[in-house]
Amino acid sequence: MFVANRKSIWRNLLDSGGLEDECIPGQSVVELLGENRVLIENHRRIMEYDLERICIGVSYGVVSILGRNLRLRHVTNRKLLVTGRIERLELQRRRDP
């Protein structure tokens, strides 16, 4: 229950201060950099990986990157960079309890 309260505290601060969601600690951020790179910060795990589809767990669900010749170029416990011909990004939100 404390985690839910902490999230609502951050949400109230963001809403009242006009701040962006990136300010929430641990919030996943997905950035499309041109047409050939995707940067994901604060990812949870790599769920699927092949040359045409990479699925990454994030704090609010799963981000799927679809395209051709996809590669994980830079992976740390906080950031990952996907390169290749990006054709589509999909977000599947997790269900809240």
PDB file of N, CA and C in Angstrom:
ATOM      1  N   MET A   1       0.817  -1.194   0.000  1.00  0.00           N
ATOM      2  CA  MET A   1       0.000   0.000   0.000  1.00  0.00           C
ATOM      3  C   MET A   1       0.862   1.259   0.000  1.00  0.00           C
ATOM      4  N   PHE A   2       2.017   1.202   0.643  1.00  0.00           N
ATOM      5  CA  PHE A   2       2.907   2.349   0.674  1.00  0.00           C
ATOM      6  C   PHE A   2       3.340   2.750  -0.727  1.00  0.00           C
ATOM      7  N   VAL A   3       3.615   1.759  -1.603  1.00  0.00           N
ATOM      8  CA  VAL A   3       4.033   2.065  -2.968  1.00  0.00           C
ATOM      9  C   VAL A   3       2.931   2.821  -3.700  1.00  0.00           C
ATOM     10  N   ALA A   4       1.696   2.386  -3.552  1.00  0.00           N
ATOM     11  CA  ALA A   4       0.586   3.073  -4.206  1.00  0.00           C
ATOM     12  C   ALA A   4       0.479   4.513  -3.704  1.00  0.00           C
ATOM     13  N   ASN A   5       0.644   4.698  -2.396  1.00  0.00           N
ATOM     14  CA  ASN A   5       0.596   6.051  -1.846  1.00  0.00           C
ATOM     15  C   ASN A   5       1.736   6.894  -2.378  1.00  0.00           C
ATOM     16  N   ARG A   6       2.929   6.317  -2.485  1.00  0.00           N
ATOM     17  CA  ARG A   6       4.074   7.052  -2.997  1.00  0.00           C
ATOM     18  C   ARG A   6       3.831   7.473  -4.443  1.00  0.00           C
ATOM     19  N   LYS A   7       3.258   6.577  -5.250  1.00  0.00           N
ATOM     20  CA  LYS A   7       2.948   6.934  -6.633  1.00  0.00           C
ATOM     21  C   LYS A   7       1.931   8.057  -6.682  1.00  0.00           C
ATOM     22  N   SER A   8       0.920   8.013  -5.843  1.00  0.00           N
ATOM     23  CA  SER A   8      -0.088   9.070  -5.876  1.00  0.00           C
ATOM     24  C   SER A   8       0.497  10.389  -5.376  1.00  0.00           C
ATOM     25  N   ILE A   9       1.432  10.349  -4.452  1.00  0.00           N
ATOM     26  CA  ILE A   9       2.101  11.571  -4.008  1.00  0.00           C
ATOM     27  C   ILE A   9       2.854  12.187  -5.174  1.00  0.00           C
ATOM     28  N   TRP A  10       3.639  11.370  -5.902  1.00  0.00           N
ATOM     29  CA  TRP A  10       4.367  11.882  -7.067  1.00  0.00           C
ATOM     30  C   TRP A  10       3.407  12.407  -8.120  1.00  0.00           C
ATOM     31  N   ARG A  11       2.319  11.687  -8.363  1.00  0.00           N
ATOM     32  CA  ARG A  11       1.347  12.113  -9.360  1.00  0.00           C
ATOM     33  C   ARG A  11       0.752  13.471  -8.970  1.00  0.00           C
ATOM     34  N   ASN A  12       0.398  13.648  -7.689  1.00  0.00           N
ATOM     35  CA  ASN A  12      -0.155  14.926  -7.228  1.00  0.00           C
ATOM     36  C   ASN A  12       0.856  16.059  -7.391  1.00  0.00           C
ATOM     37  N   LEU A  13       2.127  15.793  -7.073  1.00  0.00           N
ATOM     38  CA  LEU A  13       3.163  16.806  -7.239  1.00  0.00           C
ATOM     39  C   LEU A  13       3.324  17.195  -8.707  1.00  0.00           C
ATOM     40  N   LEU A  14       3.335  16.197  -9.579  1.00  0.00           N
ATOM     41  CA  LEU A  14       3.480  16.470 -11.007  1.00  0.00           C
ATOM     42  C   LEU A  14       2.300  17.271 -11.542  1.00  0.00           C
ATOM     43  N   ASP A  15       1.098  16.848 -11.171  1.00  0.00           N
ATOM     44  CA  ASP A  15      -0.098  17.523 -11.666  1.00  0.00           C
ATOM     45  C   ASP A  15      -0.177  18.970 -11.175  1.00  0.00           C
ATOM     46  N   SER A  16       0.156  19.196  -9.914  1.00  0.00           N
ATOM     47  CA  SER A  16       0.051  20.546  -9.368  1.00  0.00           C
ATOM     48  C   SER A  16       1.188  21.442  -9.830  1.00  0.00           C
ATOM     49  N   GLY A  17       2.343  20.863 -10.133  1.00  0.00           N
ATOM     50  CA  GLY A  17       3.489  21.664 -10.528  1.00  0.00           C
ATOM     51  C   GLY A  17       3.684  21.785 -12.016  1.00  0.00           C
ATOM     52  N   GLY A  18       2.848  21.119 -12.799  1.00  0.00           N
ATOM     53  CA  GLY A  18       2.991  21.176 -14.247  1.00  0.00           C
ATOM     54  C   GLY A  18       4.261  20.505 -14.741  1.00  0.00           C
ATOM     55  N   LEU A  19       4.754  19.519 -14.003  1.00  0.00           N
ATOM     56  CA  LEU A  19       5.991  18.828 -14.369  1.00  0.00           C
ATOM     57  C   LEU A  19       5.702  17.637 -15.268  1.00  0.00           C
ATOM     58  N   GLU A  20       6.734  17.176 -15.941  1.00  0.00           N
ATOM     59  CA  GLU A  20       6.615  16.038 -16.847  1.00  0.00           C
ATOM     60  C   GLU A  20       6.716  14.722 -16.070  1.00  0.00           C
ATOM     61  N   ASP A  21       6.185  13.638 -16.660  1.00  0.00           N
ATOM     62  CA  ASP A  21       6.223  12.318 -16.035  1.00  0.00           C
ATOM     63  C   ASP A  21       7.637  11.800 -15.832  1.00  0.00           C
ATOM     64  N   GLU A  22       8.599  12.273 -16.629  1.00  0.00           N
ATOM     65  CA  GLU A  22       9.970  11.794 -16.490  1.00  0.00           C
ATOM     66  C   GLU A  22      10.544  12.103 -15.116  1.00  0.00           C
ATOM     67  N   CYS A  23       9.899  12.995 -14.368  1.00  0.00           N
ATOM     68  CA  CYS A  23      10.389  13.373 -13.043  1.00  0.00           C
ATOM     69  C   CYS A  23      10.112  12.297 -11.999  1.00  0.00           C
ATOM     70  N   ILE A  24       9.221  11.364 -12.281  1.00  0.00           N
ATOM     71  CA  ILE A  24       8.914  10.305 -11.324  1.00  0.00           C
ATOM     72  C   ILE A  24      10.101   9.349 -11.267  1.00  0.00           C
ATOM     73  N   PRO A  25      10.669   9.121 -10.083  1.00  0.00           N
ATOM     74  CA  PRO A  25      11.809   8.206  -9.979  1.00  0.00           C
ATOM     75  C   PRO A  25      11.450   6.810 -10.490  1.00  0.00           C
ATOM     76  N   GLY A  26      12.306   6.244 -11.329  1.00  0.00           N
ATOM     77  CA  GLY A  26      12.091   4.909 -11.858  1.00  0.00           C
ATOM     78  C   GLY A  26      11.143   4.827 -13.030  1.00  0.00           C
ATOM     79  N   GLN A  27      10.563   5.941 -13.431  1.00  0.00           N
ATOM     80  CA  GLN A  27       9.636   5.955 -14.574  1.00  0.00           C
ATOM     81  C   GLN A  27      10.399   5.592 -15.847  1.00  0.00           C
ATOM     82  N   SER A  28       9.872   4.691 -16.628  1.00  0.00           N
ATOM     83  CA  SER A  28      10.503   4.330 -17.896  1.00  0.00           C
ATOM     84  C   SER A  28      10.251   5.412 -18.930  1.00  0.00           C
ATOM     85  N   VAL A  29      11.281   5.693 -19.724  1.00  0.00           N
ATOM     86  CA  VAL A  29      11.196   6.700 -20.783  1.00  0.00           C
ATOM     87  C   VAL A  29      11.606   6.036 -22.086  1.00  0.00           C
ATOM     88  N   VAL A  30      10.785   6.187 -23.126  1.00  0.00           N
ATOM     89  CA  VAL A  30      11.068   5.627 -24.443  1.00  0.00           C
ATOM     90  C   VAL A  30      11.221   6.793 -25.412  1.00  0.00           C
ATOM     91  N   GLU A  31      12.355   6.832 -26.115  1.00  0.00           N
ATOM     92  CA  GLU A  31      12.609   7.910 -27.070  1.00  0.00           C
ATOM     93  C   GLU A  31      12.919   7.318 -28.432  1.00  0.00           C
ATOM     94  N   LEU A  32      12.238   7.809 -29.442  1.00  0.00           N
ATOM     95  CA  LEU A  32      12.519   7.450 -30.820  1.00  0.00           C
ATOM     96  C   LEU A  32      13.494   8.496 -31.350  1.00  0.00           C
ATOM     97  N   LEU A  33      14.676   8.051 -31.744  1.00  0.00           N
ATOM     98  CA  LEU A  33      15.728   8.940 -32.210  1.00  0.00           C
ATOM     99  C   LEU A  33      15.889   8.756 -33.708  1.00  0.00           C
ATOM    100  N   GLY A  34      15.227   9.616 -34.481  1.00  0.00           N
ATOM    101  CA  GLY A  34      15.230   9.443 -35.923  1.00  0.00           C
ATOM    102  C   GLY A  34      14.414   8.223 -36.298  1.00  0.00           C
ATOM    103  N   GLU A  35      14.809   7.566 -37.384  1.00  0.00           N
ATOM    104  CA  GLU A  35      14.063   6.372 -37.811  1.00  0.00           C
ATOM    105  C   GLU A  35      14.847   5.089 -37.592  1.00  0.00           C
ATOM    106  N   ASN A  36      16.017   5.203 -36.967  1.00  0.00           N
ATOM    107  CA  ASN A  36      16.877   4.029 -36.826  1.00  0.00           C
ATOM    108  C   ASN A  36      17.317   3.710 -35.410  1.00  0.00           C
ATOM    109  N   ARG A  37      16.821   4.461 -34.401  1.00  0.00           N
ATOM    110  CA  ARG A  37      17.246   4.189 -33.034  1.00  0.00           C
ATOM    111  C   ARG A  37      16.102   4.415 -32.052  1.00  0.00           C
ATOM    112  N   VAL A  38      16.061   3.576 -31.022  1.00  0.00           N
ATOM    113  CA  VAL A  38      15.126   3.739 -29.910  1.00  0.00           C
ATOM    114  C   VAL A  38      15.938   3.604 -28.624  1.00  0.00           C
ATOM    115  N   LEU A  39      15.794   4.575 -27.742  1.00  0.00           N
ATOM    116  CA  LEU A  39      16.460   4.564 -26.447  1.00  0.00           C
ATOM    117  C   LEU A  39      15.404   4.350 -25.372  1.00  0.00           C
ATOM    118  N   ILE A  40      15.631   3.390 -24.494  1.00  0.00           N
ATOM    119  CA  ILE A  40      14.709   3.129 -23.389  1.00  0.00           C
ATOM    120  C   ILE A  40      15.495   3.258 -22.090  1.00  0.00           C
ATOM    121  N   GLU A  41      15.021   4.143 -21.226  1.00  0.00           N
ATOM    122  CA  GLU A  41      15.639   4.336 -19.922  1.00  0.00           C
ATOM    123  C   GLU A  41      14.761   3.699 -18.853  1.00  0.00           C
ATOM    124  N   ASN A  42      15.387   3.163 -17.824  1.00  0.00           N
ATOM    125  CA  ASN A  42      14.701   2.520 -16.704  1.00  0.00           C
ATOM    126  C   ASN A  42      13.847   1.339 -17.156  1.00  0.00           C
ATOM    127  N   HIS A  43      14.407   0.523 -18.036  1.00  0.00           N
ATOM    128  CA  HIS A  43      13.697  -0.681 -18.486  1.00  0.00           C
ATOM    129  C   HIS A  43      13.718  -1.722 -17.367  1.00  0.00           C
ATOM    130  N   ARG A  44      12.842  -2.700 -17.486  1.00  0.00           N
ATOM    131  CA  ARG A  44      12.760  -3.762 -16.482  1.00  0.00           C
ATOM    132  C   ARG A  44      13.480  -5.027 -16.945  1.00  0.00           C
ATOM    133  N   ARG A  45      13.213  -5.428 -18.197  1.00  0.00           N
ATOM    134  CA  ARG A  45      13.849  -6.645 -18.715  1.00  0.00           C
ATOM    135  C   ARG A  45      13.619  -6.756 -20.216  1.00  0.00           C
ATOM    136  N   ILE A  46      14.472  -7.558 -20.838  1.00  0.00           N
ATOM    137  CA  ILE A  46      14.312  -7.890 -22.253  1.00  0.00           C
ATOM    138  C   ILE A  46      13.464  -9.152 -22.306  1.00  0.00           C
ATOM    139  N   MET A  47      12.322  -9.071 -22.945  1.00  0.00           N
ATOM    140  CA  MET A  47      11.373 -10.180 -22.956  1.00  0.00           C
ATOM    141  C   MET A  47      11.449 -11.008 -24.235  1.00  0.00           C
ATOM    142  N   GLU A  48      11.786 -10.379 -25.342  1.00  0.00           N
ATOM    143  CA  GLU A  48      11.873 -11.063 -26.628  1.00  0.00           C
ATOM    144  C   GLU A  48      12.898 -10.323 -27.475  1.00  0.00           C
ATOM    145  N   TYR A  49      13.684 -11.095 -28.236  1.00  0.00           N
ATOM    146  CA  TYR A  49      14.727 -10.442 -29.021  1.00  0.00           C
ATOM    147  C   TYR A  49      15.032 -11.258 -30.266  1.00  0.00           C
ATOM    148  N   ASP A  50      14.731 -10.693 -31.431  1.00  0.00           N
ATOM    149  CA  ASP A  50      15.205 -11.253 -32.697  1.00  0.00           C
ATOM    150  C   ASP A  50      15.385 -10.090 -33.672  1.00  0.00           C
ATOM    151  N   LEU A  51      15.713 -10.363 -34.899  1.00  0.00           N
ATOM    152  CA  LEU A  51      16.047  -9.302 -35.852  1.00  0.00           C
ATOM    153  C   LEU A  51      14.858  -8.460 -36.294  1.00  0.00           C
ATOM    154  N   GLU A  52      13.627  -8.948 -36.033  1.00  0.00           N
ATOM    155  CA  GLU A  52      12.442  -8.219 -36.469  1.00  0.00           C
ATOM    156  C   GLU A  52      11.550  -7.744 -35.335  1.00  0.00           C
ATOM    157  N   ARG A  53      11.831  -8.178 -34.114  1.00  0.00           N
ATOM    158  CA  ARG A  53      10.976  -7.792 -32.978  1.00  0.00           C
ATOM    159  C   ARG A  53      11.786  -7.851 -31.688  1.00  0.00           C
ATOM    160  N   ILE A  54      11.729  -6.758 -30.932  1.00  0.00           N
ATOM    161  CA  ILE A  54      12.341  -6.718 -29.611  1.00  0.00           C
ATOM    162  C   ILE A  54      11.273  -6.204 -28.645  1.00  0.00           C
ATOM    163  N   CYS A  55      11.020  -6.972 -27.589  1.00  0.00           N
ATOM    164  CA  CYS A  55      10.031  -6.583 -26.586  1.00  0.00           C
ATOM    165  C   CYS A  55      10.742  -6.314 -25.269  1.00  0.00           C
ATOM    166  N   ILE A  56      10.459  -5.147 -24.696  1.00  0.00           N
ATOM    167  CA  ILE A  56      11.127  -4.690 -23.493  1.00  0.00           C
ATOM    168  C   ILE A  56      10.087  -4.395 -22.423  1.00  0.00           C
ATOM    169  N   GLY A  57      10.275  -4.972 -21.242  1.00  0.00           N
ATOM    170  CA  GLY A  57       9.413  -4.655 -20.112  1.00  0.00           C
ATOM    171  C   GLY A  57       9.789  -3.298 -19.547  1.00  0.00           C
ATOM    172  N   VAL A  58       8.774  -2.458 -19.334  1.00  0.00           N
ATOM    173  CA  VAL A  58       8.966  -1.138 -18.744  1.00  0.00           C
ATOM    174  C   VAL A  58       8.023  -1.001 -17.547  1.00  0.00           C
ATOM    175  N   SER A  59       8.127   0.097 -16.828  1.00  0.00           N
ATOM    176  CA  SER A  59       7.355   0.253 -15.595  1.00  0.00           C
ATOM    177  C   SER A  59       5.844   0.226 -15.820  1.00  0.00           C
ATOM    178  N   TYR A  60       5.370   0.556 -16.996  1.00  0.00           N
ATOM    179  CA  TYR A  60       3.931   0.641 -17.248  1.00  0.00           C
ATOM    180  C   TYR A  60       3.434  -0.397 -18.253  1.00  0.00           C
ATOM    181  N   GLY A  61       4.278  -1.375 -18.623  1.00  0.00           N
ATOM    182  CA  GLY A  61       3.844  -2.420 -19.541  1.00  0.00           C
ATOM    183  C   GLY A  61       4.978  -2.982 -20.364  1.00  0.00           C
ATOM    184  N   VAL A  62       4.703  -3.205 -21.654  1.00  0.00           N
ATOM    185  CA  VAL A  62       5.698  -3.772 -22.569  1.00  0.00           C
ATOM    186  C   VAL A  62       5.759  -2.909 -23.822  1.00  0.00           C
ATOM    187  N   VAL A  63       6.978  -2.527 -24.195  1.00  0.00           N
ATOM    188  CA  VAL A  63       7.199  -1.798 -25.435  1.00  0.00           C
ATOM    189  C   VAL A  63       7.745  -2.795 -26.448  1.00  0.00           C
ATOM    190  N   SER A  64       7.092  -2.888 -27.611  1.00  0.00           N
ATOM    191  CA  SER A  64       7.551  -3.750 -28.698  1.00  0.00           C
ATOM    192  C   SER A  64       8.089  -2.871 -29.813  1.00  0.00           C
ATOM    193  N   ILE A  65       9.289  -3.193 -30.255  1.00  0.00           N
ATOM    194  CA  ILE A  65       9.921  -2.473 -31.358  1.00  0.00           C
ATOM    195  C   ILE A  65       9.934  -3.440 -32.534  1.00  0.00           C
ATOM    196  N   LEU A  66       9.321  -3.040 -33.639  1.00  0.00           N
ATOM    197  CA  LEU A  66       9.240  -3.902 -34.808  1.00  0.00           C
ATOM    198  C   LEU A  66       9.949  -3.236 -35.971  1.00  0.00           C
ATOM    199  N   GLY A  67      10.648  -4.047 -36.768  1.00  0.00           N
ATOM    200  CA  GLY A  67      11.373  -3.510 -37.902  1.00  0.00           C
ATOM    201  C   GLY A  67      12.245  -4.566 -38.547  1.00  0.00           C
ATOM    202  N   ARG A  68      13.370  -4.123 -39.088  1.00  0.00           N
ATOM    203  CA  ARG A  68      14.308  -5.028 -39.752  1.00  0.00           C
ATOM    204  C   ARG A  68      15.719  -4.794 -39.221  1.00  0.00           C
ATOM    205  N   ASN A  69      16.471  -5.879 -39.139  1.00  0.00           N
ATOM    206  CA  ASN A  69      17.869  -5.827 -38.678  1.00  0.00           C
ATOM    207  C   ASN A  69      18.003  -5.128 -37.328  1.00  0.00           C
ATOM    208  N   LEU A  70      17.101  -5.449 -36.401  1.00  0.00           N
ATOM    209  CA  LEU A  70      17.130  -4.834 -35.080  1.00  0.00           C
ATOM    210  C   LEU A  70      18.242  -5.438 -34.237  1.00  0.00           C
ATOM    211  N   ARG A  71      18.929  -4.582 -33.516  1.00  0.00           N
ATOM    212  CA  ARG A  71      20.038  -5.016 -32.667  1.00  0.00           C
ATOM    213  C   ARG A  71      20.032  -4.220 -31.373  1.00  0.00           C
ATOM    214  N   LEU A  72      20.388  -4.908 -30.289  1.00  0.00           N
ATOM    215  CA  LEU A  72      20.636  -4.226 -29.025  1.00  0.00           C
ATOM    216  C   LEU A  72      22.085  -3.759 -29.058  1.00  0.00           C
ATOM    217  N   ARG A  73      22.296  -2.461 -29.099  1.00  0.00           N
ATOM    218  CA  ARG A  73      23.645  -1.911 -29.229  1.00  0.00           C
ATOM    219  C   ARG A  73      24.280  -1.555 -27.906  1.00  0.00           C
ATOM    220  N   HIS A  74      23.509  -1.092 -26.988  1.00  0.00           N
ATOM    221  CA  HIS A  74      24.050  -0.649 -25.705  1.00  0.00           C
ATOM    222  C   HIS A  74      23.055  -1.057 -24.627  1.00  0.00           C
ATOM    223  N   VAL A  75      23.479  -1.888 -23.688  1.00  0.00           N
ATOM    224  CA  VAL A  75      22.575  -2.350 -22.638  1.00  0.00           C
ATOM    225  C   VAL A  75      23.260  -2.196 -21.287  1.00  0.00           C
ATOM    226  N   THR A  76      22.616  -1.452 -20.396  1.00  0.00           N
ATOM    227  CA  THR A  76      23.031  -1.388 -18.999  1.00  0.00           C
ATOM    228  C   THR A  76      21.789  -1.680 -18.161  1.00  0.00           C
ATOM    229  N   ASN A  77      21.939  -1.672 -16.862  1.00  0.00           N
ATOM    230  CA  ASN A  77      20.764  -1.931 -16.025  1.00  0.00           C
ATOM    231  C   ASN A  77      19.785  -0.754 -16.023  1.00  0.00           C
ATOM    232  N   ARG A  78      20.169   0.405 -16.590  1.00  0.00           N
ATOM    233  CA  ARG A  78      19.278   1.560 -16.650  1.00  0.00           C
ATOM    234  C   ARG A  78      18.843   1.930 -18.062  1.00  0.00           C
ATOM    235  N   LYS A  79      19.700   1.698 -19.052  1.00  0.00           N
ATOM    236  CA  LYS A  79      19.405   2.133 -20.412  1.00  0.00           C
ATOM    237  C   LYS A  79      19.665   1.020 -21.414  1.00  0.00           C
ATOM    238  N   LEU A  80      18.940   1.085 -22.521  1.00  0.00           N
ATOM    239  CA  LEU A  80      19.273   0.227 -23.658  1.00  0.00           C
ATOM    240  C   LEU A  80      18.974   0.973 -24.938  1.00  0.00           C
ATOM    241  N   LEU A  81      19.765   0.680 -25.954  1.00  0.00           N
ATOM    242  CA  LEU A  81      19.634   1.319 -27.254  1.00  0.00           C
ATOM    243  C   LEU A  81      19.405   0.240 -28.297  1.00  0.00           C
ATOM    244  N   VAL A  82      18.345   0.396 -29.068  1.00  0.00           N
ATOM    245  CA  VAL A  82      18.026  -0.513 -30.166  1.00  0.00           C
ATOM    246  C   VAL A  82      18.288   0.238 -31.467  1.00  0.00           C
ATOM    247  N   THR A  83      18.987  -0.409 -32.388  1.00  0.00           N
ATOM    248  CA  THR A  83      19.221   0.187 -33.702  1.00  0.00           C
ATOM    249  C   THR A  83      18.685  -0.742 -34.779  1.00  0.00           C
ATOM    250  N   GLY A  84      18.483  -0.211 -35.956  1.00  0.00           N
ATOM    251  CA  GLY A  84      17.964  -0.964 -37.088  1.00  0.00           C
ATOM    252  C   GLY A  84      16.905  -0.141 -37.797  1.00  0.00           C
ATOM    253  N   ARG A  85      16.235  -0.747 -38.717  1.00  0.00           N
ATOM    254  CA  ARG A  85      15.155  -0.072 -39.455  1.00  0.00           C
ATOM    255  C   ARG A  85      13.888  -0.164 -38.614  1.00  0.00           C
ATOM    256  N   ILE A  86      13.569   0.902 -37.875  1.00  0.00           N
ATOM    257  CA  ILE A  86      12.402   0.912 -36.995  1.00  0.00           C
ATOM    258  C   ILE A  86      11.164   1.176 -37.851  1.00  0.00           C
ATOM    259  N   GLU A  87      10.219   0.242 -37.803  1.00  0.00           N
ATOM    260  CA  GLU A  87       8.988   0.398 -38.581  1.00  0.00           C
ATOM    261  C   GLU A  87       7.781   0.699 -37.706  1.00  0.00           C
ATOM    262  N   ARG A  88       7.817   0.211 -36.475  1.00  0.00           N
ATOM    263  CA  ARG A  88       6.650   0.419 -35.613  1.00  0.00           C
ATOM    264  C   ARG A  88       7.044   0.234 -34.146  1.00  0.00           C
ATOM    265  N   LEU A  89       6.435   1.042 -33.292  1.00  0.00           N
ATOM    266  CA  LEU A  89       6.536   0.879 -31.841  1.00  0.00           C
ATOM    267  C   LEU A  89       5.142   0.578 -31.317  1.00  0.00           C
ATOM    268  N   GLU A  90       5.054  -0.372 -30.406  1.00  0.00           N
ATOM    269  CA  GLU A  90       3.762  -0.702 -29.800  1.00  0.00           C
ATOM    270  C   GLU A  90       3.905  -0.665 -28.285  1.00  0.00           C
ATOM    271  N   LEU A  91       2.853  -0.229 -27.620  1.00  0.00           N
ATOM    272  CA  LEU A  91       2.816  -0.228 -26.168  1.00  0.00           C
ATOM    273  C   LEU A  91       1.646  -1.063 -25.704  1.00  0.00           C
ATOM    274  N   GLN A  92       1.932  -2.045 -24.893  1.00  0.00           N
ATOM    275  CA  GLN A  92       0.880  -2.820 -24.259  1.00  0.00           C
ATOM    276  C   GLN A  92       0.936  -2.470 -22.772  1.00  0.00           C
ATOM    277  N   ARG A  93      -0.040  -1.709 -22.315  1.00  0.00           N
ATOM    278  CA  ARG A  93      -0.060  -1.287 -20.915  1.00  0.00           C
ATOM    279  C   ARG A  93      -0.390  -2.472 -20.013  1.00  0.00           C
ATOM    280  N   ARG A  94       0.249  -2.455 -18.857  1.00  0.00           N
ATOM    281  CA  ARG A  94      -0.074  -3.508 -17.884  1.00  0.00           C
ATOM    282  C   ARG A  94      -1.389  -3.150 -17.210  1.00  0.00           C
ATOM    283  N   ARG A  95      -2.056  -4.147 -16.782  1.00  0.00           N
ATOM    284  CA  ARG A  95      -3.333  -3.916 -16.092  1.00  0.00           C
ATOM    285  C   ARG A  95      -3.062  -3.589 -14.634  1.00  0.00           C
ATOM    286  N   ASP A  96      -3.673  -2.523 -14.140  1.00  0.00           N
ATOM    287  CA  ASP A  96      -3.547  -2.179 -12.732  1.00  0.00           C
ATOM    288  C   ASP A  96      -4.487  -3.053 -11.936  1.00  0.00           C
ATOM    289  N   PRO A  97      -4.033  -3.480 -10.764  1.00  0.00           N
ATOM    290  CA  PRO A  97      -4.889  -4.354  -9.929  1.00  0.00           C
ATOM    291  C   PRO A  97      -6.138  -3.668  -9.447  1.00  0.00           C
TER     292      PRO A  97
END
